[in-house]
C-alpha atoms as a PDB file:
ATOM      1  CA  MET A   1      64.331  79.816 117.152  1.00  0.00           C
ATOM      2  CA  ALA A   2      63.200  76.225 116.732  1.00  0.00           C
ATOM      3  CA  GLN A   3      62.532  76.743 113.071  1.00  0.00           C
ATOM      4  CA  ILE A   4      66.045  77.979 112.310  1.00  0.00           C
ATOM      5  CA  SER A   5      67.834  74.946 113.747  1.00  0.00           C
ATOM      6  CA  ARG A   6      65.510  72.004 113.327  1.00  0.00           C
ATOM      7  CA  ASN A   7      68.210  69.919 111.670  1.00  0.00           C
ATOM      8  CA  ILE A   8      70.836  70.660 114.266  1.00  0.00           C
ATOM      9  CA  LEU A   9      68.692  69.287 117.075  1.00  0.00           C
ATOM     10  CA  ILE A  10      70.126  65.909 116.123  1.00  0.00           C
ATOM     11  CA  ALA A  11      73.632  67.317 116.348  1.00  0.00           C
ATOM     12  CA  ALA A  12      74.384  66.211 119.876  1.00  0.00           C
ATOM     13  CA  SER A  13      72.901  63.826 122.366  1.00  0.00           C
ATOM     14  CA  ALA A  14      69.618  64.544 124.102  1.00  0.00           C
ATOM     15  CA  ALA A  15      71.763  65.667 127.017  1.00  0.00           C
ATOM     16  CA  LEU A  16      71.938  69.131 125.481  1.00  0.00           C
ATOM     17  CA  LEU A  17      68.639  69.941 127.123  1.00  0.00           C
ATOM     18  CA  LEU A  18      69.766  68.916 130.582  1.00  0.00           C
ATOM     19  CA  GLY A  19      72.496  71.485 131.121  1.00  0.00           C
ATOM     20  CA  ALA A  20      71.790  74.678 133.020  1.00  0.00           C
ATOM     21  CA  CYS A  21      73.896  77.793 133.325  1.00  0.00           C
ATOM     22  CA  ALA A  22      72.663  78.355 136.886  1.00  0.00           C
ATOM     23  CA  PRO A  23      69.210  79.035 138.318  1.00  0.00           C
ATOM     24  CA  GLY A  24      67.892  82.103 136.525  1.00  0.00           C
ATOM     25  CA  ASP A  25      71.156  82.821 134.741  1.00  0.00           C
ATOM     26  CA  ASN A  26      70.675  81.346 131.257  1.00  0.00           C
ATOM     27  CA  SER A  27      70.379  84.782 129.695  1.00  0.00           C
ATOM     28  CA  ALA A  28      72.491  87.575 128.333  1.00  0.00           C
ATOM     29  CA  ALA A  29      71.564  89.924 131.168  1.00  0.00           C
ATOM     30  CA  GLN A  30      74.606  89.143 133.317  1.00  0.00           C
ATOM     31  CA  THR A  31      77.166  91.921 133.561  1.00  0.00           C
ATOM     32  CA  ALA A  32      80.788  90.951 133.183  1.00  0.00           C
ATOM     33  CA  GLY A  33      83.499  92.378 135.353  1.00  0.00           C
ATOM     34  CA  PRO A  34      86.302  94.390 133.768  1.00  0.00           C
ATOM     35  CA  ALA A  35      88.140  92.338 131.186  1.00  0.00           C
ATOM     36  CA  VAL A  36      91.846  91.762 131.734  1.00  0.00           C
ATOM     37  CA  GLU A  37      94.012  92.667 128.766  1.00  0.00           C
ATOM     38  CA  GLU A  38      95.217  89.508 127.082  1.00  0.00           C
ATOM     39  CA  GLN A  39      98.886  88.985 126.319  1.00  0.00           C
ATOM     40  CA  SER A  40      99.688  87.734 122.851  1.00  0.00           C
ATOM     41  CA  GLY A  41     102.471  85.387 121.891  1.00  0.00           C
ATOM     42  CA  GLY A  42     103.870  82.396 123.690  1.00  0.00           C
ATOM     43  CA  TYR A  43     101.573  79.406 123.558  1.00  0.00           C
ATOM     44  CA  LEU A  44      98.426  81.466 122.962  1.00  0.00           C
ATOM     45  CA  SER A  45      98.665  81.042 119.208  1.00  0.00           C
ATOM     46  CA  GLU A  46      98.906  77.245 119.375  1.00  0.00           C
ATOM     47  CA  VAL A  47      95.274  76.180 119.098  1.00  0.00           C
ATOM     48  CA  SER A  48      94.033  72.777 117.995  1.00  0.00           C
ATOM     49  CA  PHE A  49      90.955  70.594 118.177  1.00  0.00           C
ATOM     50  CA  ASP A  50      91.331  67.397 120.183  1.00  0.00           C
ATOM     51  CA  THR A  51      92.042  64.406 117.971  1.00  0.00           C
ATOM     52  CA  ASP A  52      90.839  62.029 120.678  1.00  0.00           C
ATOM     53  CA  GLY A  53      88.554  64.334 122.636  1.00  0.00           C
ATOM     54  CA  PRO A  54      85.813  66.914 122.235  1.00  0.00           C
ATOM     55  CA  GLY A  55      87.483  70.217 122.988  1.00  0.00           C
ATOM     56  CA  ALA A  56      89.544  73.065 121.593  1.00  0.00           C
ATOM     57  CA  VAL A  57      93.033  73.080 123.087  1.00  0.00           C
ATOM     58  CA  ILE A  58      95.317  76.042 123.654  1.00  0.00           C
ATOM     59  CA  GLY A  59      98.730  76.036 125.292  1.00  0.00           C
ATOM     60  CA  ASN A  60     101.693  73.811 125.941  1.00  0.00           C
ATOM     61  CA  PRO A  61     100.752  70.166 125.270  1.00  0.00           C
ATOM     62  CA  ASP A  62     103.218  69.135 128.004  1.00  0.00           C
ATOM     63  CA  ALA A  63     102.017  71.630 130.614  1.00  0.00           C
ATOM     64  CA  ALA A  64     102.009  70.399 134.210  1.00  0.00           C
ATOM     65  CA  VAL A  65      98.433  71.600 134.702  1.00  0.00           C
ATOM     66  CA  THR A  66      95.419  71.018 132.467  1.00  0.00           C
ATOM     67  CA  LEU A  67      92.354  73.201 132.953  1.00  0.00           C
ATOM     68  CA  ILE A  68      89.121  72.085 131.284  1.00  0.00           C
ATOM     69  CA  GLU A  69      86.199  74.485 130.993  1.00  0.00           C
ATOM     70  CA  TYR A  70      82.710  73.376 129.980  1.00  0.00           C
ATOM     71  CA  ALA A  71      80.729  76.391 128.790  1.00  0.00           C
ATOM     72  CA  SER A  72      77.588  77.407 126.951  1.00  0.00           C
ATOM     73  CA  LEU A  73      77.527  80.388 124.625  1.00  0.00           C
ATOM     74  CA  SER A  74      74.023  81.276 125.825  1.00  0.00           C
ATOM     75  CA  CYS A  75      75.032  81.317 129.499  1.00  0.00           C
ATOM     76  CA  GLY A  76      75.360  84.658 131.287  1.00  0.00           C
ATOM     77  CA  HIS A  77      77.735  83.243 133.917  1.00  0.00           C
ATOM     78  CA  CYS A  78      79.927  81.849 131.141  1.00  0.00           C
ATOM     79  CA  LYS A  79      80.137  85.289 129.545  1.00  0.00           C
ATOM     80  CA  THR A  80      81.220  86.807 132.858  1.00  0.00           C
ATOM     81  CA  PHE A  81      83.779  84.069 133.475  1.00  0.00           C
ATOM     82  CA  HIS A  82      85.094  84.264 129.917  1.00  0.00           C
ATOM     83  CA  GLU A  83      85.576  88.018 130.060  1.00  0.00           C
ATOM     84  CA  SER A  84      86.789  88.515 133.647  1.00  0.00           C
ATOM     85  CA  VAL A  85      88.729  85.328 134.447  1.00  0.00           C
ATOM     86  CA  ILE A  86      89.946  83.547 131.322  1.00  0.00           C
ATOM     87  CA  PRO A  87      92.078  86.485 130.035  1.00  0.00           C
ATOM     88  CA  THR A  88      94.070  86.398 133.285  1.00  0.00           C
ATOM     89  CA  ILE A  89      94.584  82.640 133.040  1.00  0.00           C
ATOM     90  CA  LYS A  90      95.703  82.909 129.415  1.00  0.00           C
ATOM     91  CA  ARG A  91      98.083  85.756 130.188  1.00  0.00           C
ATOM     92  CA  ASP A  92      99.626  84.422 133.384  1.00  0.00           C
ATOM     93  CA  TYR A  93      99.609  80.670 132.810  1.00  0.00           C
ATOM     94  CA  VAL A  94      98.789  79.579 129.257  1.00  0.00           C
ATOM     95  CA  ALA A  95     101.110  82.002 127.458  1.00  0.00           C
ATOM     96  CA  SER A  96     104.056  80.890 129.613  1.00  0.00           C
ATOM     97  CA  GLY A  97     103.430  77.189 129.042  1.00  0.00           C
ATOM     98  CA  LYS A  98     102.397  76.406 132.616  1.00  0.00           C
ATOM     99  CA  VAL A  99      98.777  75.539 131.819  1.00  0.00           C
ATOM    100  CA  LYS A 100      97.025  73.794 128.945  1.00  0.00           C
ATOM    101  CA  LEU A 101      93.461  75.056 128.552  1.00  0.00           C
ATOM    102  CA  ILE A 102      90.754  72.912 126.981  1.00  0.00           C
ATOM    103  CA  TYR A 103      87.444  74.585 126.149  1.00  0.00           C
ATOM    104  CA  ARG A 104      84.486  72.221 125.701  1.00  0.00           C
ATOM    105  CA  ASP A 105      81.004  73.121 124.559  1.00  0.00           C
ATOM    106  CA  PHE A 106      78.128  72.188 126.845  1.00  0.00           C
ATOM    107  CA  PRO A 107      75.175  74.032 125.273  1.00  0.00           C
ATOM    108  CA  THR A 108      72.375  74.820 127.690  1.00  0.00           C
ATOM    109  CA  ASP A 109      69.845  75.299 124.913  1.00  0.00           C
ATOM    110  CA  PRO A 110      69.363  73.421 121.626  1.00  0.00           C
ATOM    111  CA  ASP A 111      69.279  76.505 119.429  1.00  0.00           C
ATOM    112  CA  ILE A 112      71.416  79.591 120.067  1.00  0.00           C
ATOM    113  CA  ALA A 113      74.277  77.891 121.914  1.00  0.00           C
ATOM    114  CA  VAL A 114      74.431  74.938 119.517  1.00  0.00           C
ATOM    115  CA  ILE A 115      74.413  77.056 116.375  1.00  0.00           C
ATOM    116  CA  GLY A 116      76.979  79.454 117.846  1.00  0.00           C
ATOM    117  CA  ALA A 117      79.240  76.557 118.790  1.00  0.00           C
ATOM    118  CA  ALA A 118      78.947  75.095 115.300  1.00  0.00           C
ATOM    119  CA  LEU A 119      79.808  78.404 113.645  1.00  0.00           C
ATOM    120  CA  ALA A 120      82.799  78.834 115.968  1.00  0.00           C
ATOM    121  CA  ARG A 121      84.031  75.392 114.899  1.00  0.00           C
ATOM    122  CA  CYS A 122      83.693  76.419 111.272  1.00  0.00           C
ATOM    123  CA  ALA A 123      86.145  79.255 111.973  1.00  0.00           C
ATOM    124  CA  GLY A 124      88.838  76.571 112.315  1.00  0.00           C
ATOM    125  CA  PRO A 125      91.547  76.330 114.976  1.00  0.00           C
ATOM    126  CA  GLU A 126      93.067  79.660 113.988  1.00  0.00           C
ATOM    127  CA  GLY A 127      89.780  81.528 114.396  1.00  0.00           C
ATOM    128  CA  TYR A 128      87.999  79.452 117.021  1.00  0.00           C
ATOM    129  CA  PHE A 129      88.744  81.401 120.196  1.00  0.00           C
ATOM    130  CA  ALA A 130      88.255  84.727 118.401  1.00  0.00           C
ATOM    131  CA  ALA A 131      84.781  83.499 117.449  1.00  0.00           C
ATOM    132  CA  ILE A 132      84.054  82.478 121.050  1.00  0.00           C
ATOM    133  CA  ASP A 133      85.208  85.942 122.187  1.00  0.00           C
ATOM    134  CA  ASP A 134      82.975  87.535 119.554  1.00  0.00           C
ATOM    135  CA  PHE A 135      79.880  85.569 120.576  1.00  0.00           C
ATOM    136  CA  PHE A 136      80.226  86.384 124.275  1.00  0.00           C
ATOM    137  CA  ALA A 137      80.949  90.049 123.510  1.00  0.00           C
ATOM    138  CA  ASN A 138      77.756  90.239 121.426  1.00  0.00           C
ATOM    139  CA  GLN A 139      75.661  87.823 123.479  1.00  0.00           C
ATOM    140  CA  ALA A 140      73.036  90.416 124.449  1.00  0.00           C
ATOM    141  CA  GLU A 141      72.673  91.664 120.881  1.00  0.00           C
ATOM    142  CA  ILE A 142      72.285  88.096 119.604  1.00  0.00           C
ATOM    143  CA  PHE A 143      69.616  87.349 122.214  1.00  0.00           C
ATOM    144  CA  THR A 144      67.762  90.535 121.316  1.00  0.00           C
ATOM    145  CA  GLY A 145      67.816  89.613 117.642  1.00  0.00           C
ATOM    146  CA  VAL A 146      66.439  86.180 118.418  1.00  0.00           C
ATOM    147  CA  GLN A 147      63.675  87.612 120.597  1.00  0.00           C
ATOM    148  CA  GLU A 148      62.734  90.026 117.804  1.00  0.00           C
ATOM    149  CA  GLY A 149      62.488  87.223 115.253  1.00  0.00           C
ATOM    150  CA  ARG A 150      65.811  88.034 113.583  1.00  0.00           C
ATOM    151  CA  GLY A 151      67.554  84.843 114.697  1.00  0.00           C
ATOM    152  CA  HIS A 152      68.640  83.901 111.199  1.00  0.00           C
ATOM    153  CA  ASP A 153      70.098  87.332 110.577  1.00  0.00           C
ATOM    154  CA  VAL A 154      72.106  87.782 113.779  1.00  0.00           C
ATOM    155  CA  LEU A 155      73.545  84.269 113.718  1.00  0.00           C
ATOM    156  CA  LYS A 156      74.419  84.478 110.028  1.00  0.00           C
ATOM    157  CA  ALA A 157      76.108  87.820 110.711  1.00  0.00           C
ATOM    158  CA  PHE A 158      78.092  86.253 113.557  1.00  0.00           C
ATOM    159  CA  GLY A 159      79.167  83.417 111.282  1.00  0.00           C
ATOM    160  CA  GLU A 160      80.141  85.772 108.467  1.00  0.00           C
ATOM    161  CA  ARG A 161      82.284  87.866 110.818  1.00  0.00           C
ATOM    162  CA  ASN A 162      84.134  84.691 111.711  1.00  0.00           C
ATOM    163  CA  GLY A 163      84.733  83.162 108.310  1.00  0.00           C
ATOM    164  CA  THR A 164      81.472  81.432 107.351  1.00  0.00           C
ATOM    165  CA  PRO A 165      79.806  83.130 104.366  1.00  0.00           C
ATOM    166  CA  GLN A 166      76.041  83.297 104.613  1.00  0.00           C
ATOM    167  CA  ASP A 167      75.611  80.854 101.743  1.00  0.00           C
ATOM    168  CA  GLU A 168      77.596  78.293 103.770  1.00  0.00           C
ATOM    169  CA  TYR A 169      75.657  78.830 107.006  1.00  0.00           C
ATOM    170  CA  GLU A 170      73.344  75.828 106.694  1.00  0.00           C
ATOM    171  CA  THR A 171      76.202  73.563 105.620  1.00  0.00           C
ATOM    172  CA  CYS A 172      78.200  74.591 108.667  1.00  0.00           C
ATOM    173  CA  ILE A 173      75.513  74.181 111.322  1.00  0.00           C
ATOM    174  CA  ASN A 174      74.415  70.835 109.887  1.00  0.00           C
ATOM    175  CA  SER A 175      77.918  69.416 109.389  1.00  0.00           C
ATOM    176  CA  PRO A 176      77.987  65.750 110.510  1.00  0.00           C
ATOM    177  CA  ASP A 177      81.548  66.192 111.805  1.00  0.00           C
ATOM    178  CA  ILE A 178      80.532  69.168 113.912  1.00  0.00           C
ATOM    179  CA  ARG A 179      77.427  67.383 115.165  1.00  0.00           C
ATOM    180  CA  ARG A 180      79.619  64.488 116.316  1.00  0.00           C
ATOM    181  CA  ALA A 181      82.131  66.851 117.961  1.00  0.00           C
ATOM    182  CA  LEU A 182      79.409  68.663 119.917  1.00  0.00           C
ATOM    183  CA  GLY A 183      77.849  65.369 120.923  1.00  0.00           C
ATOM    184  CA  LYS A 184      81.214  64.102 122.193  1.00  0.00           C
ATOM    185  CA  SER A 185      81.698  67.313 124.159  1.00  0.00           C
ATOM    186  CA  VAL A 186      78.326  67.015 125.872  1.00  0.00           C
ATOM    187  CA  ASP A 187      78.779  63.306 126.520  1.00  0.00           C
ATOM    188  CA  ALA A 188      82.223  63.907 128.051  1.00  0.00           C
ATOM    189  CA  GLY A 189      80.750  66.566 130.305  1.00  0.00           C
ATOM    190  CA  ARG A 190      77.911  64.373 131.452  1.00  0.00           C
ATOM    191  CA  ALA A 191      80.343  61.514 132.126  1.00  0.00           C
ATOM    192  CA  SER A 192      82.274  63.909 134.390  1.00  0.00           C
ATOM    193  CA  GLY A 193      79.138  65.008 136.228  1.00  0.00           C
ATOM    194  CA  VAL A 194      78.661  68.377 134.523  1.00  0.00           C
ATOM    195  CA  ASN A 195      75.149  69.752 135.001  1.00  0.00           C
ATOM    196  CA  SER A 196      75.763  73.492 134.882  1.00  0.00           C
ATOM    197  CA  THR A 197      78.069  75.966 133.211  1.00  0.00           C
ATOM    198  CA  PRO A 198      80.737  77.066 133.542  1.00  0.00           C
ATOM    199  CA  SER A 199      82.139  73.840 135.009  1.00  0.00           C
ATOM    200  CA  LEU A 200      85.878  73.570 135.635  1.00  0.00           C
ATOM    201  CA  PHE A 201      88.261  70.661 136.068  1.00  0.00           C
ATOM    202  CA  LEU A 202      91.901  71.012 137.090  1.00  0.00           C
ATOM    203  CA  ASN A 203      93.993  67.940 136.341  1.00  0.00           C
ATOM    204  CA  GLY A 204      90.796  65.910 136.345  1.00  0.00           C
ATOM    205  CA  GLU A 205      89.423  67.249 139.634  1.00  0.00           C
ATOM    206  CA  ALA A 206      86.199  69.263 139.615  1.00  0.00           C
ATOM    207  CA  LEU A 207      86.488  72.816 140.947  1.00  0.00           C
ATOM    208  CA  LYS A 208      83.250  73.646 142.724  1.00  0.00           C
ATOM    209  CA  THR A 209      84.067  76.604 144.956  1.00  0.00           C
ATOM    210  CA  GLY A 210      83.009  80.145 144.242  1.00  0.00           C
ATOM    211  CA  GLU A 211      86.645  81.218 144.469  1.00  0.00           C
ATOM    212  CA  SER A 212      87.503  79.154 141.397  1.00  0.00           C
ATOM    213  CA  ARG A 213      85.200  81.429 139.354  1.00  0.00           C
ATOM    214  CA  THR A 214      87.297  84.513 140.096  1.00  0.00           C
ATOM    215  CA  ALA A 215      90.634  85.403 138.542  1.00  0.00           C
ATOM    216  CA  GLU A 216      92.346  85.683 141.929  1.00  0.00           C
ATOM    217  CA  GLY A 217      90.846  82.484 143.305  1.00  0.00           C
ATOM    218  CA  LEU A 218      91.513  80.360 140.232  1.00  0.00           C
ATOM    219  CA  SER A 219      95.065  81.703 140.023  1.00  0.00           C
ATOM    220  CA  ALA A 220      95.673  80.633 143.632  1.00  0.00           C
ATOM    221  CA  ILE A 221      94.351  77.143 142.872  1.00  0.00           C
ATOM    222  CA  ILE A 222      96.595  76.855 139.819  1.00  0.00           C
ATOM    223  CA  ASP A 223      99.599  78.112 141.797  1.00  0.00           C
ATOM    224  CA  ALA A 224      98.997  75.414 144.390  1.00  0.00           C
ATOM    225  CA  ALA A 225      98.809  72.761 141.666  1.00  0.00           C
ATOM    226  CA  LEU A 226     102.068  74.053 140.231  1.00  0.00           C
ATOM    227  CA  GLY A 227     103.678  73.979 143.664  1.00  0.00           C
ATOM    228  CA  GLU A 228     104.263  77.722 143.631  1.00  0.00           C
ATOM    229  CA  PRO A 229     104.103  79.689 146.898  1.00  0.00           C
ATOM    230  CA  ALA A 230     101.010  81.760 147.594  1.00  0.00           C
ATOM    231  CA  ALA A 231     101.376  85.494 147.431  1.00  0.00           C
ATOM    232  CA  ALA A 232     102.579  86.860 150.760  1.00  0.00           C
ATOM    233  CA  GLU A 233      99.975  88.671 152.825  1.00  0.00           C
ATOM    234  CA  THR A 234     100.833  92.155 153.969  1.00  0.00           C
ATOM    235  CA  THR A 235     100.343  93.057 157.616  1.00  0.00           C
ATOM    236  CA  GLU A 236     100.001  96.482 159.117  1.00  0.00           C
END
């Protein structure tokens, strides 16, 4: 893969190499739990790139709770989290305006994750999260293509599916604006102490418990931040 992204190695700070999905988990072999059907409408269609920050923002700009996720497209845990937790958060909290979600790239390798993040950015605000969904859904296939020496082909195909024609592929992944955006995202993560993905912050506070990586656990944490009562426990 090094030969297909030599230029983009200067895209972000050297910190790109320091991130880690989790010990032994920086692969596409992780199996996601059942995805939760996502509700359309509400604030889910209001996507923008930070004007003064490094992320992609979805939801009510005045929401009482801000959830920041640092993720790497080449991370197996990120795929699982994206497919089994994020749909619930979007449906139950972002769509209703209770939560603003900021997704920030923290690539754990200087090739696949960086190029994927660049191509997702080239999809623009209206196509960004669909591109992220696409990459995670096809993460294993992309990894297989890379391992078989078809890295150019699978990544160009991903870009083309998400609005970047193959003849614009090199321009996209080497865009100075995108390089700066990815560098800002990594630098912001490092400044907040991020050293693995996914890393979560709720209203500026790091969420480090295992429960925060499940739909039920993260929902309970958000409910507490919103001042909403916990679901009543049933007793026999």
